Protein backbone atom coordinates (compact mmCIF):
# COMPACT_ATOMS: atom_id res chain seq x y z
CA MET A 1 103.21 93.56 84.85
CA ASN A 2 104.54 93.53 81.42
CA ASN A 3 104.25 97.13 80.71
CA ILE A 4 105.78 98.63 83.88
CA PRO A 5 108.64 99.58 82.41
CA ALA A 6 107.10 101.62 80.17
CA ILE A 7 104.70 103.19 82.98
CA PHE A 8 107.52 103.77 85.08
CA PHE A 9 108.76 106.14 82.38
CA LEU A 10 105.87 108.02 81.75
CA GLY A 11 105.58 108.39 85.77
CA SER A 12 109.25 109.95 85.72
CA LEU A 13 107.75 112.68 83.52
CA ILE A 14 104.88 114.03 85.87
CA CYS A 15 105.85 117.48 87.32
CA ALA A 16 103.71 120.09 88.89
CA SER A 17 103.60 123.76 89.59
CA SER A 18 105.91 125.34 92.73
CA ALA A 19 103.50 125.66 95.59
CA GLN A 20 102.65 129.05 97.26
CA SER A 21 100.87 129.97 100.56
CA ALA A 22 96.95 129.80 100.54
CA MET A 23 95.08 132.97 100.33
CA VAL A 24 93.49 134.55 103.18
CA VAL A 25 90.94 137.23 102.99
CA ASP A 26 90.25 139.59 106.35
CA LEU A 27 86.56 140.09 107.01
CA PRO A 28 85.04 142.35 109.58
CA ASN A 29 84.40 141.50 113.22
CA ASP A 30 88.33 140.15 113.48
CA ALA A 31 87.38 137.17 111.15
CA LYS A 32 89.51 135.50 108.25
CA LEU A 33 88.80 133.57 105.33
CA SER A 34 91.33 131.20 103.82
CA PHE A 35 90.84 129.23 100.73
CA GLY A 36 93.39 126.13 100.37
CA GLY A 37 93.50 122.28 98.84
CA TYR A 38 95.93 120.69 96.62
CA PHE A 39 96.20 119.06 92.80
CA LYS A 40 96.96 115.66 92.65
CA LEU A 41 98.00 113.93 89.30
CA ASP A 42 97.93 110.25 89.40
CA LEU A 43 99.13 107.56 86.75
CA ARG A 44 98.09 103.94 87.92
CA HIS A 45 98.60 100.64 86.07
CA VAL A 46 96.50 97.79 87.27
CA ASN A 47 97.22 94.03 86.39
CA GLY A 48 95.09 91.21 87.39
CA ASP A 49 91.94 89.51 87.92
CA LEU A 50 90.05 92.45 89.69
CA ALA A 51 88.61 95.23 87.53
CA TYR A 52 90.39 98.66 87.68
CA ARG A 53 89.75 101.06 90.04
CA ASP A 54 91.50 104.44 90.85
CA PHE A 55 91.68 103.43 94.22
CA TRP A 56 90.58 99.78 96.31
CA ILE A 57 87.58 100.31 98.46
CA SER A 58 87.42 96.27 99.49
CA ASN A 59 85.40 95.69 96.28
CA ASN A 60 85.09 92.59 94.83
CA ALA A 61 84.87 92.67 90.88
CA PHE A 62 86.57 89.97 89.30
CA SER A 63 87.73 90.82 85.81
CA GLN A 64 89.95 88.20 84.48
CA ASN A 65 92.89 89.47 82.72
CA THR A 66 92.74 93.24 83.64
CA GLU A 67 95.45 95.43 82.56
CA GLU A 68 94.75 98.90 82.15
CA THR A 69 96.22 102.35 82.63
CA ARG A 70 94.54 105.83 83.52
CA LEU A 71 95.75 109.27 84.57
CA ASN A 72 92.91 111.04 86.81
CA ILE A 73 92.81 114.30 88.97
CA ARG A 74 89.91 113.03 90.82
CA GLU A 75 91.71 113.44 94.53
CA SER A 76 92.26 116.84 93.67
CA ARG A 77 90.38 119.37 96.24
CA PHE A 78 89.40 122.74 97.34
CA ASN A 79 88.47 123.86 100.91
CA ILE A 80 87.28 127.22 102.54
CA HIS A 81 87.88 127.90 105.92
CA TYR A 82 86.42 130.57 108.18
CA ASP A 83 88.10 131.66 111.32
CA GLN A 84 86.65 133.93 114.06
CA GLY A 85 88.68 133.58 117.06
CA ASN A 86 86.41 130.25 118.82
CA LEU A 87 84.33 130.01 115.79
CA LYS A 88 85.41 128.31 112.75
CA GLY A 89 83.80 126.43 109.96
CA THR A 90 84.92 124.59 107.12
CA LEU A 91 83.75 123.23 103.48
CA GLU A 92 85.76 121.29 101.38
CA TRP A 93 84.85 119.19 98.02
CA ASP A 94 86.70 116.93 95.72
CA PHE A 95 86.25 115.54 92.40
CA TYR A 96 84.70 111.86 93.14
CA ASP A 97 81.04 112.28 92.87
CA ASP A 98 80.81 110.38 89.83
CA GLN A 99 82.46 107.55 90.77
CA GLN A 100 85.00 105.48 88.89
CA PRO A 101 86.55 103.98 86.77
CA GLU A 102 84.62 106.14 83.90
CA GLY A 103 84.51 109.89 84.20
CA ALA A 104 81.49 111.94 82.76
CA THR A 105 82.58 111.90 79.40
CA GLU A 106 86.07 110.97 79.46
CA SER A 107 86.40 109.87 75.92
CA VAL A 108 86.05 113.73 75.10
CA THR A 109 86.91 115.41 78.26
CA GLY A 110 88.04 114.66 81.67
CA GLY A 111 85.21 116.41 83.26
CA HIS A 112 84.22 115.28 86.73
CA SER A 113 81.59 116.35 89.25
CA LEU A 114 82.33 117.97 92.55
CA ARG A 115 81.59 116.13 95.66
CA LEU A 116 80.76 117.26 99.21
CA ARG A 117 83.38 115.79 101.48
CA HIS A 118 83.41 118.50 104.67
CA ALA A 119 80.69 120.67 105.85
CA PHE A 120 80.85 121.86 109.59
CA PHE A 121 82.04 124.55 112.46
CA LYS A 122 83.11 124.16 115.68
CA TYR A 123 82.50 126.61 118.87
CA ASP A 124 84.01 126.05 121.63
CA ASN A 125 84.22 122.44 122.56
CA TRP A 126 81.60 122.02 120.06
CA LEU A 127 81.64 120.38 116.21
CA LEU A 128 78.43 120.44 114.40
CA GLY A 129 78.02 119.35 110.53
CA GLN A 130 79.48 116.77 108.32
CA THR A 131 83.24 115.67 108.69
CA TRP A 132 84.89 112.25 109.81
CA SER A 133 83.10 110.13 111.90
CA THR A 134 84.60 110.35 115.62
CA PHE A 135 84.87 106.32 115.28
CA MET A 136 87.28 107.08 112.62
CA PRO A 137 91.07 106.32 113.65
CA LEU A 138 92.65 109.33 111.53
CA ALA A 139 95.79 108.95 113.07
CA SER A 140 96.57 105.30 112.15
CA ILE A 141 95.97 105.91 108.21
CA PRO A 142 99.30 105.38 106.43
CA GLU A 143 101.12 108.22 104.05
CA ALA A 144 99.96 106.46 100.91
CA LEU A 145 99.56 107.42 97.01
CA ASP A 146 96.21 105.07 96.64
CA PHE A 147 93.81 107.28 98.18
CA GLY A 148 93.27 106.58 101.71
CA GLY A 149 95.73 103.39 101.74
CA PRO A 150 94.44 100.16 103.29
CA HIS A 151 90.81 101.05 102.94
CA VAL A 152 89.66 97.37 102.95
CA ALA A 153 90.49 97.02 107.06
CA GLN A 154 89.81 100.78 107.81
CA THR A 155 87.01 102.63 109.30
CA PHE A 156 86.04 105.31 106.55
CA VAL A 157 83.06 107.24 107.31
CA ARG A 158 82.02 110.62 106.77
CA GLN A 159 78.44 112.12 108.04
CA SER A 160 76.68 114.51 109.99
CA GLN A 161 77.19 114.53 113.93
CA ILE A 162 77.16 116.35 116.80
CA ARG A 163 80.35 116.19 118.86
CA PHE A 164 81.75 117.21 122.20
CA THR A 165 85.37 117.23 122.92
CA GLN A 166 87.35 117.75 126.03
CA GLY A 167 90.95 117.11 126.32
CA GLY A 168 91.30 113.25 124.73
CA LEU A 169 87.75 112.66 125.24
CA GLU A 170 85.04 113.03 122.51
CA LEU A 171 81.60 112.09 122.24
CA ALA A 172 79.39 112.14 119.50
CA LEU A 173 75.67 111.76 117.95
CA GLU A 174 75.89 110.75 114.33
CA ASN A 175 74.05 110.19 111.70
CA PRO A 176 72.13 106.61 111.80
CA SER A 177 71.54 106.15 108.24
CA THR A 178 71.56 102.10 107.10
CA PHE A 179 73.16 101.22 103.67
CA SER A 180 69.70 100.80 102.32
CA GLY A 181 68.18 104.32 103.52
CA GLU A 182 66.10 102.75 106.28
CA SER A 183 65.19 105.24 108.99
CA GLN A 184 66.29 104.56 112.27
CA THR A 185 64.94 106.24 115.51
CA VAL A 186 68.05 107.06 117.19
CA PRO A 187 71.55 108.31 116.43
CA ASP A 188 74.65 106.24 116.15
CA ALA A 189 76.57 106.66 119.45
CA VAL A 190 80.56 107.06 119.60
CA ALA A 191 82.83 107.66 122.35
CA ARG A 192 86.67 107.59 122.06
CA TYR A 193 89.30 108.33 124.20
CA THR A 194 92.73 109.41 122.96
CA PHE A 195 96.64 109.28 125.34
CA LYS A 196 98.87 111.55 123.61
CA GLU A 197 102.45 111.78 124.57
CA SER A 198 105.90 112.82 123.17
CA TRP A 199 106.23 109.40 121.98
CA GLY A 200 102.77 109.45 120.26
CA GLN A 201 99.25 108.53 120.77
CA ILE A 202 96.93 105.77 121.25
CA GLY A 203 93.47 105.82 121.05
CA LEU A 204 89.95 103.66 122.02
CA ALA A 205 86.90 103.70 120.35
CA THR A 206 83.12 102.18 121.12
CA LEU A 207 80.72 102.36 118.70
CA ILE A 208 76.69 102.29 119.89
CA ARG A 209 74.06 101.54 117.19
CA ASN A 210 70.38 100.56 117.82
CA LEU A 211 68.80 99.70 114.41
CA GLU A 212 65.18 98.70 113.82
CA ASP A 213 64.59 96.11 110.53
CA THR A 214 61.37 98.45 109.68
CA ASN A 215 60.95 96.47 106.39
CA GLU A 216 61.39 92.82 108.33
CA ASP A 217 63.72 91.79 105.15
CA GLY A 218 66.57 90.36 107.68
CA GLY A 219 68.25 93.34 108.27
CA ALA A 220 69.96 94.31 111.67
CA ASP A 221 67.77 94.80 114.07
CA GLY A 222 68.62 95.77 118.24
CA LEU A 223 71.76 97.14 119.61
CA GLN A 224 74.90 97.08 117.78
CA LEU A 225 78.55 97.22 119.53
CA GLY A 226 81.56 98.12 117.88
CA TYR A 227 85.12 98.97 118.98
CA ASN A 228 88.65 99.78 117.43
CA LEU A 229 92.29 100.42 119.23
CA HIS A 230 94.70 102.60 117.18
CA GLY A 231 97.61 104.59 117.40
CA LYS A 232 100.59 106.33 116.05
CA ILE A 233 104.12 106.05 117.62
CA THR A 234 107.18 107.50 117.10
CA THR A 235 110.02 104.98 116.70
CA MET A 236 113.48 106.59 115.47
CA GLY A 237 114.31 109.86 114.68
CA LYS A 238 111.15 111.17 112.35
CA ASP A 239 109.84 107.40 111.50
CA ASP A 240 106.76 106.08 112.93
CA PHE A 241 104.45 103.25 113.16
CA ARG A 242 100.89 103.03 112.76
CA PHE A 243 98.02 100.90 113.62
CA SER A 244 94.48 99.73 113.93
CA TYR A 245 92.26 97.01 115.05
CA ASN A 246 88.70 97.20 114.73
CA GLY A 247 86.39 94.42 115.95
CA GLY A 248 82.56 93.95 116.75
CA ALA A 249 79.41 94.49 114.84
CA GLN A 250 80.73 97.51 112.73
CA GLY A 251 79.07 97.16 109.92
CA ARG A 252 79.27 99.86 107.15
CA TYR A 253 81.67 101.63 109.60
CA THR A 254 84.41 99.39 108.36
CA GLY A 255 85.95 97.95 104.94
CA PRO A 256 83.89 99.88 102.64
CA GLY A 257 82.66 97.49 99.77
CA ALA A 258 83.32 94.69 101.97
CA ASN A 259 80.74 95.21 104.80
CA ILE A 260 78.84 98.23 103.86
CA ALA A 261 75.70 96.58 103.87
CA ASP A 262 75.14 95.88 107.60
CA THR A 263 74.78 92.23 107.09
CA ALA A 264 72.86 90.33 109.52
CA ASP A 265 72.71 86.76 111.06
CA SER A 266 69.50 85.51 111.80
CA ASP A 267 68.99 86.92 115.11
CA GLY A 268 69.42 90.59 113.80
CA ASP A 269 73.17 91.14 114.58
CA ILE A 270 75.60 92.55 112.57
CA LEU A 271 78.06 89.88 111.42
CA GLU A 272 81.45 90.50 113.61
CA THR A 273 84.61 92.23 111.94
CA GLN A 274 88.07 91.61 112.26
CA ALA A 275 89.77 94.13 110.36
CA TYR A 276 93.20 95.67 111.06
CA THR A 277 96.06 97.91 109.69
CA VAL A 278 99.68 98.17 109.99
CA ALA A 279 102.23 100.84 108.58
CA TYR A 280 105.82 101.83 109.09
CA ARG A 281 107.12 105.02 107.55
CA HIS A 282 110.86 105.71 107.40
CA PHE A 283 112.43 109.04 106.53
CA TRP A 284 115.45 108.04 104.39
CA THR A 285 116.12 111.85 104.20
CA ASP A 286 114.18 114.92 105.41
CA THR A 287 112.55 114.97 102.04
CA LEU A 288 112.90 111.60 101.17
CA ARG A 289 110.43 108.86 102.76
CA SER A 290 108.61 105.39 102.54
CA SER A 291 105.81 103.82 104.00
CA LEU A 292 105.36 99.96 103.98
CA TYR A 293 101.59 98.83 104.75
CA TYR A 294 99.08 96.20 105.00
CA GLY A 295 95.58 96.04 105.92
CA HIS A 296 93.29 92.82 106.28
CA ILE A 297 89.57 92.29 107.00
CA ASP A 298 87.64 88.87 107.49
CA ILE A 299 83.57 88.97 108.45
CA ASP A 300 81.98 86.13 110.11
CA ASP A 301 80.04 83.65 108.55
CA THR A 302 80.98 84.84 104.96
CA ASP A 303 83.78 83.98 102.25
CA VAL A 304 84.81 87.98 102.64
CA ASP A 305 89.03 87.44 103.52
CA ARG A 306 90.49 90.71 101.71
CA SER A 307 93.78 92.29 102.31
CA HIS A 308 95.68 95.29 100.61
CA TRP A 309 99.65 95.57 100.70
CA ALA A 310 101.57 98.51 99.06
CA VAL A 311 105.28 99.84 99.72
CA ASN A 312 106.12 103.71 98.05
CA LEU A 313 108.67 106.28 98.22
CA LEU A 314 107.97 109.97 98.30
CA GLN A 315 109.93 112.91 97.48
CA ASP A 316 109.68 116.26 98.60
CA ILE A 317 110.85 118.83 95.32
CA ARG A 318 110.04 121.91 97.40
CA ALA A 319 107.61 123.25 100.18
CA GLY A 320 104.41 121.99 98.58
CA PHE A 321 105.35 119.81 96.16
CA THR A 322 105.91 116.23 96.17
CA VAL A 323 106.24 113.48 93.83
CA GLY A 324 105.81 109.51 94.35
CA ALA A 325 105.59 106.03 93.48
CA GLU A 326 103.87 103.07 95.22
CA PHE A 327 103.78 99.15 94.08
CA GLY A 328 101.00 97.14 95.97
CA ASN A 329 98.50 94.33 95.44
CA TYR A 330 95.11 94.15 96.54
CA GLU A 331 93.50 90.46 96.96
CA THR A 332 89.99 89.15 97.29
CA GLU A 333 88.24 85.93 97.71
CA SER A 334 88.01 86.09 93.71
CA GLY A 335 91.33 86.84 92.70
CA ASP A 336 94.18 89.78 93.10
CA SER A 337 95.56 92.22 91.38
CA ASP A 338 99.17 94.25 91.29
CA TYR A 339 99.43 98.23 90.81
CA LEU A 340 101.67 100.78 90.22
CA GLN A 341 101.02 104.14 90.72
CA PHE A 342 102.68 107.75 90.29
CA SER A 343 101.45 110.66 91.80
CA ALA A 344 102.90 114.51 91.76
CA LYS A 345 100.88 116.59 94.45
CA TYR A 346 100.73 120.67 94.46
CA SER A 347 99.54 122.16 98.03
CA LEU A 348 98.08 125.37 98.39
């Protein structure tokens, strides 16, 4: 990585405006409308034998002797929250709709299309709309500058659903789409229970899918079962340890790019996935912290064997304004690439 010193110097120049509170508007009938989100600038350098990406998602695009640097703001987002007592709603967008690495017209202007992330409302114990899958263990995701951290081994799905929550129990019916877009008769079902105590939380989730190979092209067919065990545990002071383990026939739910096609064996069963993440976050001071994380996935009867590790350092300049640096490596069965990323984030 022979250009790292120059990249480090450029990264040190990143700055952002001072933070301010999200705007809240009072509406009739005791309702409130609030606006939030954040601005995030990433300066990222990739060096190795895998093609540049703004963040790793288990892709396996081999590109020998890659060395590329980009600046982008695509993770920046905007959200609107509606609150009327026990009725609440959320809309959120970011700028990843045009995908990467090329922007819409990057040679002239960095224009990027809005992408809908969340559109849901809650009433008492019910959630209806599009948001993170109930099967996705949000608490286990490490604090990372690479968007989402080790996607390679995480459950990572946003989709429409109907969810019921009672205490630590969550039950949901979710969109049963396959990667190829084949219609399914029965919604995917998720059950999760989370134990929360003063020391942190541990959760166990199960995923049940009933798929039909309507095109008879060797796709998944029949009942498919997956599970994950995950948690976030407080250790010393403000430090925490995060983990997740994914197993079973998860298909598109785990390891975007590696496992998204719901690949099946000759019996119509989705190939078994073994994927795990571990992360430790340490606070050097109240405003300075680091995370070290690792994720790995392999899929039975394939050559998929991929991993992602990284270490970072984040500094809160003031409330709402954070800068940081992260160094890591992403490896697939075809090769690997190092990356160095500097980020500045201004949260509303």
